[in-house]
Amino acid sequence: KKFWYDLLPFVILGGVVRALQDIRFFSGLGIFQYLFVTPFIYLLIFAIVLISLIISKHWKDITRFVGYGLLLVFLLISFAKAVEWTGFSIIIGLTALSFGITFFVVRFLKPELMSGLNFYPVLAHALDASASVTAVSIVGGFQEQHVVPSLLFSFLPFWTFIPIKILIALLAVHIIERETKLEWNWLLLFTIFVLGMGPGIRDSFTVLLGSNL
């Protein structure tokens, strides 16, 4: 759990920084601005994590300090440049509502799926789906970029993306709990978490910053 919480701020940081790049926040850095676009943003975040982990052998908790410190800085920058608080608030509200309903239903039917670290991947994908639905269907000016969702929601209401994503995340958690050895669970759960939280944070902050790229 300690390592999970050490890495958590870097997952959020990647999404926030990527959203800032969408509004050309780093354009003044010249060629170095491309460090903040895919795939280089992943390499940059990985390098920061790796260096801080190496230093942590001599300075305990430096990884968490660096992660939360950088995250705080870029969150403050993002909030200072925010233009779409309504859309961002809707995303937070939809996430809280959809995850809250899921949490209480699953805790009643199958409590182990919401125990320990298991709820994080579900929360991440609830955020990702809520951000997409808000951007495309409520705020407007955005469109789904992935082929499979675009095809699927050409004949389904787009709001159904939220329950579908949550059900897929729950299924993934269930399979991990049932089929994997205990010592690998956290890593697999973290992978599912990152796949939801990374794009979820980027999309949420893209709405907040008023970019429809």
Protein backbone atom coordinates (compact mmCIF):
# COMPACT_ATOMS: atom_id res chain seq x y z
CA LYS A 1 0.00 0.00 0.00
CA LYS A 2 2.87 2.38 0.73
CA PHE A 3 4.31 1.95 -2.77
CA TRP A 4 0.80 2.39 -4.24
CA TYR A 5 0.38 5.74 -2.48
CA ASP A 6 3.91 6.76 -3.47
CA LEU A 7 3.03 6.26 -7.15
CA LEU A 8 -0.53 7.64 -6.98
CA PRO A 9 0.35 11.37 -7.37
CA PHE A 10 2.43 10.65 -10.48
CA VAL A 11 -0.57 9.02 -12.20
CA ILE A 12 -2.66 12.13 -11.55
CA LEU A 13 0.25 14.42 -12.42
CA GLY A 14 0.61 12.88 -15.88
CA GLY A 15 -3.02 13.63 -16.74
CA VAL A 16 -2.89 17.19 -15.40
CA VAL A 17 0.33 18.04 -17.24
CA ARG A 18 -0.98 16.51 -20.48
CA ALA A 19 -4.12 18.68 -20.25
CA LEU A 20 -1.97 21.78 -19.73
CA GLN A 21 -0.02 20.89 -22.87
CA ASP A 22 -3.33 20.82 -24.78
CA ILE A 23 -3.73 24.55 -24.10
CA ARG A 24 -0.09 25.18 -25.12
CA PHE A 25 0.99 26.02 -21.58
CA PHE A 26 4.49 24.72 -22.27
CA SER A 27 4.90 26.37 -25.70
CA GLY A 28 7.46 28.81 -24.28
CA LEU A 29 9.85 25.91 -23.72
CA GLY A 30 10.49 25.55 -27.45
CA ILE A 31 11.42 22.02 -28.50
CA PHE A 32 11.21 20.85 -24.88
CA GLN A 33 7.42 21.30 -24.95
CA TYR A 34 7.25 17.96 -26.77
CA LEU A 35 8.33 16.25 -23.56
CA PHE A 36 4.74 16.81 -22.42
CA VAL A 37 2.99 14.99 -25.28
CA THR A 38 2.46 11.27 -25.79
CA PRO A 39 4.59 9.13 -25.62
CA PHE A 40 7.29 11.37 -24.12
CA ILE A 41 5.16 12.40 -21.14
CA TYR A 42 5.15 8.76 -20.00
CA LEU A 43 8.93 8.57 -20.27
CA LEU A 44 9.32 11.86 -18.41
CA ILE A 45 7.08 10.79 -15.52
CA PHE A 46 8.81 7.38 -15.40
CA ALA A 47 12.23 9.07 -15.23
CA ILE A 48 11.13 11.29 -12.34
CA VAL A 49 9.72 8.29 -10.47
CA LEU A 50 12.84 6.21 -11.09
CA ILE A 51 15.22 8.92 -9.92
CA SER A 52 13.17 9.59 -6.80
CA LEU A 53 13.03 5.86 -6.02
CA ILE A 54 16.81 5.63 -6.27
CA ILE A 55 17.22 8.65 -3.98
CA SER A 56 14.69 7.15 -1.55
CA LYS A 57 17.28 4.54 -0.56
CA HIS A 58 19.06 7.37 1.27
CA TRP A 59 16.13 9.76 1.87
CA LYS A 60 13.01 7.94 2.99
CA ASP A 61 9.66 9.11 1.56
CA ILE A 62 11.29 11.37 -1.06
CA THR A 63 9.21 9.69 -3.81
CA ARG A 64 5.95 10.67 -2.15
CA PHE A 65 7.27 14.15 -1.34
CA VAL A 66 8.30 14.79 -4.97
CA GLY A 67 5.07 13.34 -6.36
CA TYR A 68 2.67 15.30 -4.17
CA GLY A 69 4.82 18.43 -4.39
CA LEU A 70 4.79 18.47 -8.21
CA LEU A 71 1.11 17.58 -8.28
CA LEU A 72 0.23 20.49 -5.98
CA VAL A 73 2.14 22.94 -8.18
CA PHE A 74 0.44 21.88 -11.40
CA LEU A 75 -2.98 21.64 -9.78
CA LEU A 76 -2.65 25.25 -8.64
CA ILE A 77 -1.60 26.29 -12.15
CA SER A 78 -4.56 24.43 -13.66
CA PHE A 79 -7.07 25.90 -11.25
CA ALA A 80 -5.69 29.38 -11.94
CA LYS A 81 -6.29 28.86 -15.67
CA ALA A 82 -9.67 27.13 -15.30
CA VAL A 83 -12.51 28.38 -17.52
CA GLU A 84 -15.13 25.61 -17.29
CA TRP A 85 -15.94 25.02 -13.64
CA THR A 86 -19.49 23.91 -14.42
CA GLY A 87 -18.42 21.03 -16.63
CA PHE A 88 -15.68 20.03 -14.18
CA SER A 89 -18.19 20.05 -11.31
CA ILE A 90 -20.56 17.86 -13.31
CA ILE A 91 -17.75 15.36 -13.87
CA ILE A 92 -17.02 15.21 -10.14
CA GLY A 93 -20.73 14.88 -9.37
CA LEU A 94 -21.32 12.10 -11.91
CA THR A 95 -18.24 10.26 -10.66
CA ALA A 96 -19.36 10.50 -7.04
CA LEU A 97 -22.91 9.42 -7.90
CA SER A 98 -21.99 6.47 -10.14
CA PHE A 99 -19.20 5.23 -7.87
CA GLY A 100 -21.31 5.74 -4.74
CA ILE A 101 -24.17 3.63 -6.13
CA THR A 102 -21.71 0.97 -7.32
CA PHE A 103 -19.90 0.90 -3.98
CA PHE A 104 -23.01 0.31 -1.88
CA VAL A 105 -24.54 -2.23 -4.27
CA VAL A 106 -21.33 -4.24 -4.59
CA ARG A 107 -20.62 -4.04 -0.84
CA PHE A 108 -24.03 -5.63 -0.30
CA LEU A 109 -23.72 -8.31 -3.00
CA LYS A 110 -19.98 -9.12 -3.00
CA PRO A 111 -18.09 -7.15 -0.31
CA GLU A 112 -14.61 -8.45 -1.20
CA LEU A 113 -14.72 -6.62 -4.55
CA MET A 114 -14.66 -3.30 -2.67
CA SER A 115 -12.15 -4.24 0.03
CA GLY A 116 -8.53 -3.10 0.29
CA LEU A 117 -7.25 -1.49 -2.90
CA ASN A 118 -9.97 -3.00 -5.10
CA PHE A 119 -12.18 0.09 -5.21
CA TYR A 120 -9.47 2.28 -6.79
CA PRO A 121 -9.72 0.80 -10.32
CA VAL A 122 -13.52 1.08 -10.21
CA LEU A 123 -13.31 4.72 -9.08
CA ALA A 124 -10.77 5.48 -11.82
CA HIS A 125 -12.97 4.10 -14.58
CA ALA A 126 -16.04 5.82 -13.16
CA LEU A 127 -14.10 9.09 -13.47
CA ASP A 128 -12.94 8.28 -17.00
CA ALA A 129 -16.45 7.45 -18.18
CA SER A 130 -18.02 10.45 -16.40
CA ALA A 131 -15.48 12.80 -17.97
CA SER A 132 -16.18 11.43 -21.46
CA VAL A 133 -19.96 11.62 -21.04
CA THR A 134 -19.78 15.17 -19.67
CA ALA A 135 -17.41 16.39 -22.39
CA VAL A 136 -19.30 14.84 -25.31
CA SER A 137 -22.94 15.00 -24.21
CA ILE A 138 -23.20 17.90 -21.74
CA VAL A 139 -20.45 20.46 -22.35
CA GLY A 140 -20.22 19.74 -26.09
CA GLY A 141 -17.47 20.49 -28.58
CA PHE A 142 -15.74 17.18 -27.82
CA GLN A 143 -15.93 13.78 -29.47
CA GLU A 144 -14.97 10.22 -28.58
CA GLN A 145 -11.63 9.45 -30.24
CA HIS A 146 -11.50 5.66 -29.79
CA VAL A 147 -12.94 3.45 -32.51
CA VAL A 148 -14.75 0.82 -30.43
CA PRO A 149 -16.66 3.27 -28.17
CA SER A 150 -17.54 5.42 -31.17
CA LEU A 151 -19.00 2.39 -32.96
CA LEU A 152 -20.79 1.12 -29.86
CA PHE A 153 -22.38 4.44 -29.00
CA SER A 154 -23.51 5.09 -32.54
CA PHE A 155 -26.58 3.02 -31.56
CA LEU A 156 -26.55 3.30 -27.74
CA PRO A 157 -27.12 6.40 -25.58
CA PHE A 158 -23.71 7.80 -24.68
CA TRP A 159 -24.52 7.95 -20.96
CA THR A 160 -24.45 4.13 -20.90
CA PHE A 161 -20.67 4.46 -21.20
CA ILE A 162 -20.60 5.00 -17.41
CA PRO A 163 -22.23 1.71 -16.30
CA ILE A 164 -20.42 -0.23 -19.04
CA LYS A 165 -16.99 1.04 -17.96
CA ILE A 166 -17.77 0.38 -14.30
CA LEU A 167 -18.94 -3.18 -15.05
CA ILE A 168 -15.77 -3.87 -17.05
CA ALA A 169 -13.63 -2.56 -14.17
CA LEU A 170 -15.54 -4.74 -11.68
CA LEU A 171 -15.07 -7.76 -13.92
CA ALA A 172 -11.33 -7.07 -14.13
CA VAL A 173 -11.07 -6.79 -10.33
CA HIS A 174 -13.06 -10.01 -9.92
CA ILE A 175 -10.75 -11.91 -12.30
CA ILE A 176 -7.64 -10.55 -10.59
CA GLU A 177 -8.97 -11.58 -7.17
CA ARG A 178 -9.92 -15.06 -8.38
CA GLU A 179 -7.12 -15.98 -10.77
CA THR A 180 -3.89 -14.36 -9.56
CA LYS A 181 -1.52 -14.96 -6.68
CA LEU A 182 -1.84 -12.52 -3.82
CA GLU A 183 1.62 -10.97 -4.24
CA TRP A 184 0.75 -9.85 -7.81
CA ASN A 185 -2.69 -8.45 -7.07
CA TRP A 186 -1.57 -4.92 -6.24
CA LEU A 187 0.41 -4.56 -9.48
CA LEU A 188 -2.43 -5.79 -11.68
CA LEU A 189 -4.91 -3.60 -9.82
CA PHE A 190 -2.59 -0.63 -10.24
CA THR A 191 -2.38 -1.29 -13.98
CA ILE A 192 -6.18 -1.28 -14.30
CA PHE A 193 -6.27 1.84 -12.12
CA VAL A 194 -3.78 3.71 -14.32
CA LEU A 195 -5.69 2.80 -17.51
CA GLY A 196 -8.73 4.60 -16.07
CA MET A 197 -7.24 7.36 -13.94
CA GLY A 198 -4.72 8.64 -16.51
CA PRO A 199 -7.22 9.45 -19.29
CA GLY A 200 -9.89 10.30 -16.73
CA ILE A 201 -7.77 13.05 -15.18
CA ARG A 202 -6.63 14.33 -18.56
CA ASP A 203 -10.19 14.52 -19.90
CA SER A 204 -11.48 16.16 -16.72
CA PHE A 205 -8.81 18.84 -16.79
CA THR A 206 -9.18 19.27 -20.55
CA VAL A 207 -12.80 20.24 -19.85
CA LEU A 208 -11.76 22.45 -16.92
CA LEU A 209 -9.17 24.27 -19.04
CA GLY A 210 -11.57 24.74 -21.97
CA SER A 211 -9.61 22.79 -24.56
CA ASN A 212 -11.44 20.65 -27.10
CA LEU A 213 -8.34 19.16 -28.70
